[in-house]
Amino acid sequence: MWFMQILIDESGDLGWIFDKPYRKGGSSRYLTLACLFLPKSLKNLPRNIIRAMYKKMGWQNEKKASTATIKQKTIFCQNVIMLLKSNPSIKIEAITVKKENVENHIREDGNKLYNYMISLIIPEYTNGHSEVDFIPDERSIKVKSGNSLVDYLQVKLWFDYKQQTKLINKPGRSHEQYNLQFIDWVTHCIWMNFEQGQNTMYDILVLHIKNRTLFF
């Protein structure tokens, strides 16, 4: 019986306004999701990276990656790589959608796109685990759909993948959980490569995490 946590977060949004600049009436052109697959026995390691960043930088309140400097994000990514190299049982996978290529009928319910993106990732990592804590940020964009995400994933695992894994839905708040902040930072650093053309952090991460694209 193995026990694992899956922490997820996203960067970008599920809006579809592309005739205006992003954050000036327009939507993001890309949506990135990332998952941290974390054995419970190692759950302190990612949070220690964030905790050390707070101590070193003198941050008092939650620090979002979007407000950090390039240097701070680079230091973070370098620490992520050291963590993954030292602990191969910790896995990170990300997926990015080019939203402008998503068909109109899919845009009618962005939550379904979100659910589908997650379903492409997690089955590879849940097989063999009797229970998995599923920990999304409760403030993220898919919370409006209630339990539909975890219900959808549970059906996929049991019926499509013939797994016996039980998903335990445990939404958290990033300002209270350093591990959610950890995956928030990872997601943002990957998303920036696509949305803003800032590839410094992406180039550090991409050789050590699994990364895929959709609708490109």
N, C-alpha and C. Protein backbone atom coordinates (compact mmCIF):
# COMPACT_ATOMS: atom_id res chain seq x y z
N MET A 1 0.85 -1.19 0.00
CA MET A 1 0.00 0.00 0.00
C MET A 1 0.88 1.24 0.00
N TRP A 2 0.82 2.02 -1.06
CA TRP A 2 1.61 3.23 -1.18
C TRP A 2 0.72 4.44 -0.98
N PHE A 3 1.30 5.48 -0.43
CA PHE A 3 0.54 6.71 -0.21
C PHE A 3 1.26 7.88 -0.87
N MET A 4 0.49 8.69 -1.54
CA MET A 4 1.05 9.77 -2.32
C MET A 4 0.10 10.96 -2.29
N GLN A 5 0.66 12.13 -2.49
CA GLN A 5 -0.12 13.34 -2.68
C GLN A 5 0.07 13.84 -4.10
N ILE A 6 -1.01 14.35 -4.68
CA ILE A 6 -0.94 15.04 -5.96
C ILE A 6 -1.37 16.47 -5.72
N LEU A 7 -0.47 17.41 -5.97
CA LEU A 7 -0.79 18.83 -5.84
C LEU A 7 -0.80 19.44 -7.22
N ILE A 8 -1.84 20.23 -7.52
CA ILE A 8 -1.97 20.80 -8.86
C ILE A 8 -2.23 22.30 -8.78
N ASP A 9 -1.80 22.98 -9.80
CA ASP A 9 -2.11 24.40 -9.94
C ASP A 9 -2.04 24.77 -11.41
N GLU A 10 -2.49 25.97 -11.74
CA GLU A 10 -2.47 26.42 -13.13
C GLU A 10 -2.01 27.86 -13.23
N SER A 11 -1.53 28.21 -14.41
CA SER A 11 -1.24 29.60 -14.76
C SER A 11 -1.94 29.90 -16.08
N GLY A 12 -2.47 31.10 -16.17
CA GLY A 12 -3.32 31.45 -17.30
C GLY A 12 -4.76 31.40 -16.85
N ASP A 13 -5.67 31.53 -17.79
CA ASP A 13 -7.09 31.53 -17.44
C ASP A 13 -7.88 30.74 -18.48
N LEU A 14 -9.19 30.64 -18.26
CA LEU A 14 -10.07 29.94 -19.19
C LEU A 14 -10.96 30.91 -19.96
N GLY A 15 -10.47 32.14 -20.13
CA GLY A 15 -11.17 33.10 -20.97
C GLY A 15 -10.81 32.90 -22.44
N TRP A 16 -11.61 33.51 -23.32
CA TRP A 16 -11.43 33.28 -24.75
C TRP A 16 -11.43 34.59 -25.54
N ILE A 17 -11.04 35.69 -24.92
CA ILE A 17 -10.99 36.98 -25.60
C ILE A 17 -9.57 37.21 -26.10
N PHE A 18 -9.40 37.09 -27.42
CA PHE A 18 -8.06 37.16 -28.00
C PHE A 18 -7.82 38.40 -28.86
N ASP A 19 -8.82 39.27 -28.96
CA ASP A 19 -8.65 40.48 -29.78
C ASP A 19 -8.18 41.67 -28.94
N LYS A 20 -7.86 41.40 -27.66
CA LYS A 20 -7.33 42.43 -26.78
C LYS A 20 -6.12 41.86 -26.05
N PRO A 21 -5.20 42.73 -25.62
CA PRO A 21 -4.01 42.23 -24.90
C PRO A 21 -4.39 41.55 -23.59
N TYR A 22 -3.58 40.60 -23.20
CA TYR A 22 -3.78 39.90 -21.93
C TYR A 22 -3.72 40.89 -20.78
N ARG A 23 -4.68 40.76 -19.88
CA ARG A 23 -4.83 41.61 -18.70
C ARG A 23 -5.18 43.05 -19.03
N LYS A 24 -5.49 43.31 -20.28
CA LYS A 24 -6.02 44.62 -20.69
C LYS A 24 -7.32 44.39 -21.44
N GLY A 25 -8.17 43.59 -20.83
CA GLY A 25 -9.43 43.23 -21.45
C GLY A 25 -9.40 41.90 -22.18
N GLY A 26 -8.20 41.34 -22.34
CA GLY A 26 -8.05 40.08 -23.07
C GLY A 26 -7.66 38.93 -22.16
N SER A 27 -7.75 37.74 -22.71
CA SER A 27 -7.45 36.51 -21.97
C SER A 27 -6.02 36.07 -22.25
N SER A 28 -5.55 35.16 -21.40
CA SER A 28 -4.25 34.55 -21.67
C SER A 28 -4.34 33.72 -22.94
N ARG A 29 -3.26 33.63 -23.66
CA ARG A 29 -3.23 32.82 -24.88
C ARG A 29 -2.91 31.37 -24.59
N TYR A 30 -2.38 31.11 -23.40
CA TYR A 30 -1.98 29.76 -23.02
C TYR A 30 -2.50 29.46 -21.62
N LEU A 31 -2.76 28.20 -21.37
CA LEU A 31 -3.11 27.71 -20.04
C LEU A 31 -2.17 26.56 -19.72
N THR A 32 -1.48 26.67 -18.60
CA THR A 32 -0.55 25.62 -18.16
C THR A 32 -1.03 25.03 -16.85
N LEU A 33 -1.07 23.71 -16.79
CA LEU A 33 -1.34 22.97 -15.56
C LEU A 33 -0.08 22.19 -15.21
N ALA A 34 0.19 22.09 -13.93
CA ALA A 34 1.31 21.25 -13.49
C ALA A 34 0.90 20.45 -12.27
N CYS A 35 1.41 19.24 -12.19
CA CYS A 35 1.13 18.33 -11.09
C CYS A 35 2.42 17.95 -10.38
N LEU A 36 2.39 17.98 -9.08
CA LEU A 36 3.48 17.49 -8.24
C LEU A 36 3.04 16.16 -7.64
N PHE A 37 3.77 15.10 -7.95
CA PHE A 37 3.48 13.77 -7.42
C PHE A 37 4.47 13.51 -6.29
N LEU A 38 3.95 13.49 -5.07
CA LEU A 38 4.80 13.58 -3.90
C LEU A 38 4.52 12.44 -2.93
N PRO A 39 5.46 11.51 -2.74
CA PRO A 39 5.29 10.51 -1.69
C PRO A 39 5.12 11.19 -0.34
N LYS A 40 4.17 10.71 0.45
CA LYS A 40 3.91 11.38 1.73
C LYS A 40 5.14 11.41 2.63
N SER A 41 5.98 10.41 2.50
CA SER A 41 7.19 10.38 3.34
C SER A 41 8.15 11.50 3.01
N LEU A 42 7.98 12.13 1.84
CA LEU A 42 8.88 13.20 1.40
C LEU A 42 8.17 14.55 1.33
N LYS A 43 7.00 14.65 1.95
CA LYS A 43 6.17 15.84 1.76
C LYS A 43 6.79 17.12 2.31
N ASN A 44 7.79 17.00 3.18
CA ASN A 44 8.42 18.21 3.72
C ASN A 44 9.44 18.82 2.77
N LEU A 45 9.91 18.07 1.78
CA LEU A 45 11.03 18.54 0.96
C LEU A 45 10.67 19.73 0.06
N PRO A 46 9.58 19.67 -0.71
CA PRO A 46 9.24 20.87 -1.51
C PRO A 46 8.94 22.08 -0.63
N ARG A 47 8.23 21.87 0.46
CA ARG A 47 7.89 23.01 1.31
C ARG A 47 9.14 23.64 1.92
N ASN A 48 10.18 22.81 2.13
CA ASN A 48 11.42 23.36 2.68
C ASN A 48 12.07 24.33 1.70
N ILE A 49 11.93 24.07 0.40
CA ILE A 49 12.48 24.99 -0.60
C ILE A 49 11.78 26.34 -0.52
N ILE A 50 10.46 26.32 -0.41
CA ILE A 50 9.71 27.57 -0.32
C ILE A 50 10.01 28.27 1.01
N ARG A 51 10.05 27.51 2.07
CA ARG A 51 10.35 28.10 3.38
C ARG A 51 11.71 28.78 3.37
N ALA A 52 12.70 28.14 2.74
CA ALA A 52 14.04 28.73 2.67
C ALA A 52 14.04 30.01 1.84
N MET A 53 13.21 30.03 0.76
CA MET A 53 13.11 31.24 -0.05
C MET A 53 12.55 32.40 0.78
N TYR A 54 11.53 32.14 1.57
CA TYR A 54 10.95 33.17 2.42
C TYR A 54 11.99 33.72 3.39
N LYS A 55 12.74 32.81 3.98
CA LYS A 55 13.74 33.24 4.96
C LYS A 55 14.84 34.05 4.29
N LYS A 56 15.30 33.59 3.14
CA LYS A 56 16.40 34.27 2.45
C LYS A 56 15.98 35.63 1.92
N MET A 57 14.74 35.72 1.39
CA MET A 57 14.29 36.96 0.77
C MET A 57 13.58 37.89 1.75
N GLY A 58 13.30 37.41 2.95
CA GLY A 58 12.63 38.24 3.94
C GLY A 58 11.15 38.46 3.66
N TRP A 59 10.52 37.52 2.94
CA TRP A 59 9.09 37.66 2.64
C TRP A 59 8.28 37.35 3.89
N GLN A 60 7.23 38.13 4.11
CA GLN A 60 6.37 37.94 5.28
C GLN A 60 5.05 37.29 4.89
N ASN A 61 4.45 37.71 3.77
CA ASN A 61 3.18 37.17 3.31
C ASN A 61 3.40 36.27 2.10
N GLU A 62 2.34 35.60 1.65
CA GLU A 62 2.47 34.69 0.52
C GLU A 62 3.08 35.42 -0.68
N LYS A 63 4.11 34.82 -1.25
CA LYS A 63 4.79 35.40 -2.40
C LYS A 63 4.39 34.62 -3.64
N LYS A 64 3.66 35.25 -4.54
CA LYS A 64 3.28 34.61 -5.78
C LYS A 64 4.44 34.69 -6.77
N ALA A 65 4.60 33.66 -7.55
CA ALA A 65 5.69 33.66 -8.53
C ALA A 65 5.56 34.80 -9.52
N SER A 66 4.32 35.22 -9.79
CA SER A 66 4.11 36.30 -10.76
C SER A 66 4.68 37.63 -10.30
N THR A 67 4.92 37.76 -9.00
CA THR A 67 5.48 39.01 -8.48
C THR A 67 6.96 38.89 -8.13
N ALA A 68 7.55 37.73 -8.36
CA ALA A 68 8.97 37.51 -8.06
C ALA A 68 9.84 37.98 -9.21
N THR A 69 11.10 38.24 -8.92
CA THR A 69 12.04 38.64 -9.95
C THR A 69 12.53 37.43 -10.74
N ILE A 70 13.11 37.69 -11.90
CA ILE A 70 13.68 36.60 -12.70
C ILE A 70 14.77 35.88 -11.92
N LYS A 71 15.57 36.64 -11.18
CA LYS A 71 16.64 36.03 -10.39
C LYS A 71 16.06 35.11 -9.33
N GLN A 72 15.00 35.54 -8.66
CA GLN A 72 14.37 34.71 -7.63
C GLN A 72 13.78 33.44 -8.22
N LYS A 73 13.15 33.57 -9.38
CA LYS A 73 12.57 32.40 -10.04
C LYS A 73 13.66 31.44 -10.51
N THR A 74 14.77 31.97 -10.96
CA THR A 74 15.87 31.13 -11.40
C THR A 74 16.45 30.34 -10.24
N ILE A 75 16.63 31.00 -9.10
CA ILE A 75 17.11 30.31 -7.90
C ILE A 75 16.15 29.20 -7.52
N PHE A 76 14.87 29.49 -7.57
CA PHE A 76 13.86 28.48 -7.25
C PHE A 76 13.98 27.28 -8.19
N CYS A 77 14.06 27.52 -9.49
CA CYS A 77 14.13 26.43 -10.46
C CYS A 77 15.38 25.58 -10.26
N GLN A 78 16.49 26.20 -9.93
CA GLN A 78 17.70 25.45 -9.67
C GLN A 78 17.54 24.55 -8.45
N ASN A 79 16.82 25.04 -7.44
CA ASN A 79 16.54 24.24 -6.26
C ASN A 79 15.59 23.08 -6.57
N VAL A 80 14.65 23.31 -7.47
CA VAL A 80 13.74 22.25 -7.90
C VAL A 80 14.53 21.12 -8.55
N ILE A 81 15.45 21.47 -9.41
CA ILE A 81 16.23 20.45 -10.11
C ILE A 81 17.07 19.64 -9.12
N MET A 82 17.66 20.30 -8.15
CA MET A 82 18.43 19.56 -7.13
C MET A 82 17.53 18.61 -6.36
N LEU A 83 16.31 19.06 -6.06
CA LEU A 83 15.35 18.20 -5.36
C LEU A 83 15.02 16.96 -6.18
N LEU A 84 14.73 17.15 -7.46
CA LEU A 84 14.35 16.02 -8.31
C LEU A 84 15.51 15.06 -8.53
N LYS A 85 16.69 15.57 -8.67
CA LYS A 85 17.85 14.71 -8.85
C LYS A 85 18.13 13.87 -7.60
N SER A 86 17.90 14.46 -6.44
CA SER A 86 18.19 13.76 -5.19
C SER A 86 17.08 12.82 -4.76
N ASN A 87 15.86 13.05 -5.32
CA ASN A 87 14.70 12.27 -4.91
C ASN A 87 13.90 11.87 -6.14
N PRO A 88 14.35 10.84 -6.85
CA PRO A 88 13.71 10.46 -8.12
C PRO A 88 12.27 9.99 -7.97
N SER A 89 11.81 9.70 -6.75
CA SER A 89 10.41 9.30 -6.57
C SER A 89 9.46 10.50 -6.59
N ILE A 90 10.00 11.71 -6.51
CA ILE A 90 9.20 12.92 -6.66
C ILE A 90 9.14 13.26 -8.14
N LYS A 91 7.95 13.42 -8.67
CA LYS A 91 7.77 13.68 -10.09
C LYS A 91 6.98 14.96 -10.30
N ILE A 92 7.27 15.64 -11.40
CA ILE A 92 6.50 16.80 -11.82
C ILE A 92 6.18 16.65 -13.30
N GLU A 93 4.94 16.90 -13.66
CA GLU A 93 4.56 16.91 -15.07
C GLU A 93 3.67 18.10 -15.34
N ALA A 94 3.84 18.70 -16.51
CA ALA A 94 3.07 19.88 -16.90
C ALA A 94 2.48 19.69 -18.28
N ILE A 95 1.39 20.39 -18.53
CA ILE A 95 0.76 20.38 -19.85
C ILE A 95 0.29 21.80 -20.15
N THR A 96 0.53 22.25 -21.37
CA THR A 96 0.15 23.60 -21.78
C THR A 96 -0.73 23.55 -23.01
N VAL A 97 -1.83 24.28 -22.98
CA VAL A 97 -2.76 24.38 -24.10
C VAL A 97 -2.58 25.73 -24.79
N LYS A 98 -2.52 25.70 -26.12
CA LYS A 98 -2.59 26.93 -26.90
C LYS A 98 -4.05 27.21 -27.16
N LYS A 99 -4.62 28.12 -26.38
CA LYS A 99 -6.06 28.28 -26.31
C LYS A 99 -6.68 28.76 -27.62
N GLU A 100 -5.94 29.52 -28.39
CA GLU A 100 -6.49 30.05 -29.64
C GLU A 100 -6.81 28.95 -30.64
N ASN A 101 -6.23 27.75 -30.44
CA ASN A 101 -6.49 26.63 -31.34
C ASN A 101 -7.57 25.69 -30.83
N VAL A 102 -8.16 26.01 -29.69
CA VAL A 102 -9.22 25.16 -29.13
C VAL A 102 -10.52 25.43 -29.87
N GLU A 103 -11.21 24.37 -30.29
CA GLU A 103 -12.43 24.51 -31.07
C GLU A 103 -13.53 25.20 -30.25
N ASN A 104 -14.42 25.89 -30.96
CA ASN A 104 -15.45 26.69 -30.31
C ASN A 104 -16.35 25.87 -29.41
N HIS A 105 -16.70 24.65 -29.82
CA HIS A 105 -17.63 23.87 -29.01
C HIS A 105 -17.01 23.45 -27.68
N ILE A 106 -15.67 23.35 -27.64
CA ILE A 106 -14.99 23.03 -26.38
C ILE A 106 -14.95 24.24 -25.47
N ARG A 107 -14.89 25.42 -26.07
CA ARG A 107 -14.81 26.65 -25.29
C ARG A 107 -16.08 26.90 -24.48
N GLU A 108 -17.18 26.26 -24.83
CA GLU A 108 -18.44 26.49 -24.13
C GLU A 108 -18.36 26.09 -22.67
N ASP A 109 -17.49 25.15 -22.34
CA ASP A 109 -17.31 24.73 -20.94
C ASP A 109 -15.83 24.46 -20.71
N GLY A 110 -15.13 25.50 -20.28
CA GLY A 110 -13.70 25.38 -20.08
C GLY A 110 -13.31 24.39 -19.01
N ASN A 111 -14.22 24.13 -18.05
CA ASN A 111 -13.90 23.17 -17.01
C ASN A 111 -13.66 21.78 -17.58
N LYS A 112 -14.38 21.44 -18.65
CA LYS A 112 -14.17 20.14 -19.27
C LYS A 112 -12.78 20.05 -19.88
N LEU A 113 -12.30 21.14 -20.47
CA LEU A 113 -10.93 21.17 -20.99
C LEU A 113 -9.94 20.97 -19.86
N TYR A 114 -10.17 21.66 -18.77
CA TYR A 114 -9.30 21.54 -17.60
C TYR A 114 -9.25 20.09 -17.11
N ASN A 115 -10.44 19.50 -16.97
CA ASN A 115 -10.51 18.11 -16.51
C ASN A 115 -9.76 17.17 -17.45
N TYR A 116 -9.94 17.38 -18.74
CA TYR A 116 -9.28 16.53 -19.73
C TYR A 116 -7.76 16.65 -19.63
N MET A 117 -7.27 17.86 -19.47
CA MET A 117 -5.83 18.07 -19.35
C MET A 117 -5.26 17.28 -18.18
N ILE A 118 -5.94 17.36 -17.03
CA ILE A 118 -5.47 16.62 -15.87
C ILE A 118 -5.51 15.12 -16.11
N SER A 119 -6.58 14.67 -16.80
CA SER A 119 -6.73 13.22 -17.03
C SER A 119 -5.65 12.66 -17.93
N LEU A 120 -4.99 13.50 -18.71
CA LEU A 120 -3.89 13.03 -19.55
C LEU A 120 -2.63 12.75 -18.74
N ILE A 121 -2.58 13.29 -17.53
CA ILE A 121 -1.36 13.22 -16.73
C ILE A 121 -1.42 12.15 -15.65
N ILE A 122 -2.46 12.18 -14.81
CA ILE A 122 -2.35 11.46 -13.54
C ILE A 122 -2.39 9.94 -13.62
N PRO A 123 -3.06 9.30 -14.60
CA PRO A 123 -3.13 7.83 -14.54
C PRO A 123 -1.78 7.13 -14.52
N GLU A 124 -0.79 7.73 -15.16
CA GLU A 124 0.54 7.12 -15.19
C GLU A 124 1.15 7.02 -13.80
N TYR A 125 0.75 7.92 -12.91
CA TYR A 125 1.40 8.03 -11.61
C TYR A 125 0.59 7.40 -10.47
N THR A 126 -0.69 7.17 -10.68
CA THR A 126 -1.53 6.66 -9.59
C THR A 126 -1.57 5.14 -9.53
N ASN A 127 -1.22 4.48 -10.60
CA ASN A 127 -1.32 3.02 -10.62
C ASN A 127 -0.46 2.40 -9.52
N GLY A 128 -1.06 1.49 -8.75
CA GLY A 128 -0.33 0.83 -7.67
C GLY A 128 -0.51 1.48 -6.32
N HIS A 129 -1.11 2.67 -6.31
CA HIS A 129 -1.37 3.37 -5.04
C HIS A 129 -2.80 3.08 -4.60
N SER A 130 -2.98 2.66 -3.36
CA SER A 130 -4.33 2.38 -2.89
C SER A 130 -5.12 3.65 -2.64
N GLU A 131 -4.47 4.69 -2.13
CA GLU A 131 -5.12 5.96 -1.89
C GLU A 131 -4.16 7.08 -2.28
N VAL A 132 -4.74 8.15 -2.81
CA VAL A 132 -3.95 9.33 -3.19
C VAL A 132 -4.69 10.56 -2.70
N ASP A 133 -3.99 11.43 -1.97
CA ASP A 133 -4.55 12.73 -1.61
C ASP A 133 -4.47 13.65 -2.81
N PHE A 134 -5.61 14.13 -3.26
CA PHE A 134 -5.68 15.02 -4.42
C PHE A 134 -5.88 16.43 -3.90
N ILE A 135 -4.87 17.29 -4.11
CA ILE A 135 -4.82 18.59 -3.43
C ILE A 135 -4.71 19.73 -4.45
N PRO A 136 -5.84 20.22 -4.94
CA PRO A 136 -5.81 21.44 -5.77
C PRO A 136 -5.89 22.67 -4.87
N ASP A 137 -5.51 23.81 -5.41
CA ASP A 137 -5.71 25.08 -4.71
C ASP A 137 -7.19 25.43 -4.81
N GLU A 138 -7.87 25.55 -3.69
CA GLU A 138 -9.32 25.76 -3.72
C GLU A 138 -9.70 27.11 -4.32
N ARG A 139 -8.73 28.00 -4.49
CA ARG A 139 -9.03 29.30 -5.10
C ARG A 139 -8.82 29.30 -6.61
N SER A 140 -8.42 28.16 -7.17
CA SER A 140 -8.09 28.15 -8.59
C SER A 140 -9.34 28.06 -9.45
N ILE A 141 -9.16 28.08 -10.75
CA ILE A 141 -10.26 28.35 -11.68
C ILE A 141 -11.27 27.23 -11.78
N LYS A 142 -10.95 26.01 -11.33
CA LYS A 142 -11.90 24.92 -11.53
C LYS A 142 -12.78 24.66 -10.32
N VAL A 143 -12.61 25.45 -9.24
CA VAL A 143 -13.37 25.20 -8.03
C VAL A 143 -14.87 25.38 -8.26
N LYS A 144 -15.25 26.24 -9.20
CA LYS A 144 -16.67 26.49 -9.47
C LYS A 144 -17.41 25.22 -9.85
N SER A 145 -16.69 24.25 -10.37
CA SER A 145 -17.35 23.01 -10.79
C SER A 145 -17.48 22.01 -9.64
N GLY A 146 -17.17 22.44 -8.40
CA GLY A 146 -17.35 21.57 -7.24
C GLY A 146 -16.48 20.34 -7.30
N ASN A 147 -17.11 19.18 -7.09
CA ASN A 147 -16.36 17.92 -7.08
C ASN A 147 -16.25 17.29 -8.46
N SER A 148 -16.67 17.98 -9.50
CA SER A 148 -16.72 17.34 -10.82
C SER A 148 -15.35 16.88 -11.29
N LEU A 149 -14.30 17.62 -10.95
CA LEU A 149 -12.96 17.25 -11.39
C LEU A 149 -12.55 15.93 -10.77
N VAL A 150 -12.61 15.82 -9.46
CA VAL A 150 -12.15 14.59 -8.82
C VAL A 150 -13.08 13.42 -9.16
N ASP A 151 -14.38 13.70 -9.33
CA ASP A 151 -15.31 12.63 -9.73
C ASP A 151 -14.97 12.12 -11.12
N TYR A 152 -14.69 13.04 -12.02
CA TYR A 152 -14.33 12.67 -13.39
C TYR A 152 -13.05 11.83 -13.40
N LEU A 153 -12.06 12.27 -12.63
CA LEU A 153 -10.79 11.55 -12.59
C LEU A 153 -10.95 10.17 -11.97
N GLN A 154 -11.80 10.08 -10.94
CA GLN A 154 -12.02 8.79 -10.30
C GLN A 154 -12.64 7.80 -11.27
N VAL A 155 -13.62 8.25 -12.05
CA VAL A 155 -14.25 7.38 -13.05
C VAL A 155 -13.22 6.93 -14.09
N LYS A 156 -12.37 7.85 -14.53
CA LYS A 156 -11.34 7.50 -15.51
C LYS A 156 -10.41 6.41 -14.97
N LEU A 157 -9.98 6.58 -13.74
CA LEU A 157 -9.04 5.62 -13.16
C LEU A 157 -9.68 4.25 -13.00
N TRP A 158 -10.90 4.21 -12.49
CA TRP A 158 -11.54 2.92 -12.20
C TRP A 158 -12.00 2.20 -13.46
N PHE A 159 -12.59 2.93 -14.39
CA PHE A 159 -13.23 2.28 -15.53
C PHE A 159 -12.34 2.23 -16.78
N ASP A 160 -11.65 3.33 -17.08
CA ASP A 160 -10.83 3.35 -18.29
C ASP A 160 -9.47 2.71 -18.07
N TYR A 161 -8.89 2.91 -16.87
CA TYR A 161 -7.54 2.43 -16.61
C TYR A 161 -7.50 1.20 -15.69
N LYS A 162 -8.67 0.76 -15.23
CA LYS A 162 -8.78 -0.44 -14.40
C LYS A 162 -7.92 -0.36 -13.14
N GLN A 163 -7.73 0.84 -12.64
CA GLN A 163 -6.98 1.02 -11.40
C GLN A 163 -7.92 0.96 -10.20
N GLN A 164 -7.39 0.59 -9.05
CA GLN A 164 -8.17 0.55 -7.83
C GLN A 164 -7.91 1.76 -6.93
N THR A 165 -7.12 2.68 -7.41
CA THR A 165 -6.73 3.85 -6.63
C THR A 165 -7.95 4.68 -6.24
N LYS A 166 -8.01 5.08 -4.98
CA LYS A 166 -9.06 5.96 -4.49
C LYS A 166 -8.49 7.36 -4.33
N LEU A 167 -9.13 8.35 -4.98
CA LEU A 167 -8.72 9.73 -4.85
C LEU A 167 -9.43 10.38 -3.67
N ILE A 168 -8.65 10.95 -2.76
CA ILE A 168 -9.20 11.66 -1.61
C ILE A 168 -9.08 13.16 -1.88
N ASN A 169 -10.20 13.81 -2.12
CA ASN A 169 -10.19 15.22 -2.50
C ASN A 169 -9.92 16.10 -1.27
N LYS A 170 -8.80 16.82 -1.27
CA LYS A 170 -8.41 17.65 -0.15
C LYS A 170 -7.96 19.03 -0.64
N PRO A 171 -8.89 19.83 -1.15
CA PRO A 171 -8.49 21.16 -1.61
C PRO A 171 -7.80 21.94 -0.50
N GLY A 172 -6.78 22.70 -0.88
CA GLY A 172 -6.05 23.50 0.10
C GLY A 172 -5.96 24.94 -0.34
N ARG A 173 -5.36 25.73 0.49
CA ARG A 173 -5.15 27.15 0.21
C ARG A 173 -3.66 27.40 0.13
N SER A 174 -3.23 27.99 -0.98
CA SER A 174 -1.79 28.13 -1.19
C SER A 174 -1.12 28.98 -0.12
N HIS A 175 -1.85 29.97 0.42
CA HIS A 175 -1.21 30.81 1.44
C HIS A 175 -1.02 30.06 2.75
N GLU A 176 -1.64 28.88 2.86
CA GLU A 176 -1.49 28.05 4.05
C GLU A 176 -0.61 26.83 3.81
N GLN A 177 -0.33 26.50 2.54
CA GLN A 177 0.43 25.29 2.22
C GLN A 177 1.60 25.63 1.29
N TYR A 178 2.80 25.45 1.81
CA TYR A 178 3.98 25.74 1.01
C TYR A 178 4.09 24.81 -0.20
N ASN A 179 3.59 23.58 -0.09
CA ASN A 179 3.69 22.68 -1.23
C ASN A 179 2.82 23.15 -2.40
N LEU A 180 1.68 23.76 -2.11
CA LEU A 180 0.88 24.35 -3.18
C LEU A 180 1.60 25.56 -3.78
N GLN A 181 2.27 26.32 -2.95
CA GLN A 181 3.06 27.43 -3.48
C GLN A 181 4.19 26.91 -4.37
N PHE A 182 4.76 25.80 -3.97
CA PHE A 182 5.83 25.19 -4.76
C PHE A 182 5.36 24.89 -6.18
N ILE A 183 4.22 24.20 -6.32
CA ILE A 183 3.75 23.84 -7.66
C ILE A 183 3.21 25.07 -8.39
N ASP A 184 2.73 26.08 -7.66
CA ASP A 184 2.34 27.34 -8.29
C ASP A 184 3.55 27.98 -8.97
N TRP A 185 4.67 27.98 -8.30
CA TRP A 185 5.88 28.57 -8.87
C TRP A 185 6.34 27.78 -10.10
N VAL A 186 6.31 26.46 -10.01
CA VAL A 186 6.70 25.64 -11.16
C VAL A 186 5.81 25.94 -12.35
N THR A 187 4.51 25.95 -12.12
CA THR A 187 3.55 26.18 -13.20
C THR A 187 3.78 27.54 -13.85
N HIS A 188 3.96 28.55 -13.05
CA HIS A 188 4.18 29.89 -13.58
C HIS A 188 5.44 29.96 -14.43
N CYS A 189 6.51 29.34 -13.96
CA CYS A 189 7.78 29.40 -14.70
C CYS A 189 7.67 28.72 -16.06
N ILE A 190 6.87 27.66 -16.15
CA ILE A 190 6.65 27.00 -17.44
C ILE A 190 5.75 27.84 -18.34
N TRP A 191 4.67 28.34 -17.76
CA TRP A 191 3.71 29.16 -18.51
C TRP A 191 4.36 30.40 -19.12
N MET A 192 5.28 31.02 -18.39
CA MET A 192 5.93 32.24 -18.88
C MET A 192 6.65 32.00 -20.21
N ASN A 193 7.17 30.80 -20.40
CA ASN A 193 7.85 30.48 -21.65
C ASN A 193 6.91 30.64 -22.84
N PHE A 194 5.68 30.23 -22.67
CA PHE A 194 4.71 30.27 -23.76
C PHE A 194 4.01 31.63 -23.84
N GLU A 195 3.58 32.14 -22.71
CA GLU A 195 2.78 33.38 -22.71
C GLU A 195 3.62 34.61 -22.96
N GLN A 196 4.81 34.65 -22.40
CA GLN A 196 5.63 35.85 -22.44
C GLN A 196 6.96 35.68 -23.17
N GLY A 197 7.24 34.47 -23.62
CA GLY A 197 8.50 34.23 -24.31
C GLY A 197 9.71 34.29 -23.40
N GLN A 198 9.49 34.17 -22.09
CA GLN A 198 10.58 34.20 -21.11
C GLN A 198 10.98 32.76 -20.82
N ASN A 199 12.09 32.32 -21.43
CA ASN A 199 12.44 30.90 -21.38
C ASN A 199 13.56 30.56 -20.40
N THR A 200 14.03 31.52 -19.63
CA THR A 200 15.16 31.26 -18.73
C THR A 200 14.84 30.13 -17.75
N MET A 201 13.69 30.23 -17.08
CA MET A 201 13.32 29.22 -16.09
C MET A 201 12.87 27.93 -16.77
N TYR A 202 12.17 28.06 -17.87
CA TYR A 202 11.69 26.89 -18.61
C TYR A 202 12.87 26.02 -19.04
N ASP A 203 13.92 26.64 -19.53
CA ASP A 203 15.07 25.88 -20.00
C ASP A 203 15.75 25.11 -18.86
N ILE A 204 15.65 25.64 -17.65
CA ILE A 204 16.21 24.92 -16.50
C ILE A 204 15.36 23.71 -16.16
N LEU A 205 14.04 23.89 -16.19
CA LEU A 205 13.13 22.85 -15.74
C LEU A 205 12.90 21.75 -16.76
N VAL A 206 12.87 22.10 -18.04
CA VAL A 206 12.29 21.21 -19.04
C VAL A 206 13.07 19.91 -19.21
N LEU A 207 14.33 19.89 -18.89
CA LEU A 207 15.12 18.68 -19.03
C LEU A 207 14.91 17.71 -17.88
N HIS A 208 14.20 18.15 -16.85
CA HIS A 208 14.09 17.32 -15.64
C HIS A 208 12.64 17.04 -15.25
N ILE A 209 11.69 17.62 -15.95
CA ILE A 209 10.29 17.29 -15.70
C ILE A 209 9.66 16.87 -17.03
N LYS A 210 8.56 16.14 -16.93
CA LYS A 210 7.84 15.75 -18.13
C LYS A 210 6.93 16.91 -18.54
N ASN A 211 6.98 17.26 -19.81
CA ASN A 211 6.26 18.43 -20.29
C ASN A 211 5.60 18.10 -21.62
N ARG A 212 4.36 18.51 -21.79
CA ARG A 212 3.68 18.25 -23.05
C ARG A 212 2.83 19.46 -23.44
N THR A 213 2.43 19.49 -24.71
CA THR A 213 1.59 20.57 -25.21
C THR A 213 0.35 19.99 -25.86
N LEU A 214 -0.69 20.80 -25.96
CA LEU A 214 -1.98 20.38 -26.50
C LEU A 214 -2.56 21.51 -27.34
N PHE A 215 -3.11 21.16 -28.51
CA PHE A 215 -3.69 22.12 -29.45
C PHE A 215 -2.65 23.09 -30.00
N PHE A 216 -1.43 22.62 -30.15
CA PHE A 216 -0.40 23.46 -30.78
C PHE A 216 -0.37 23.18 -32.28
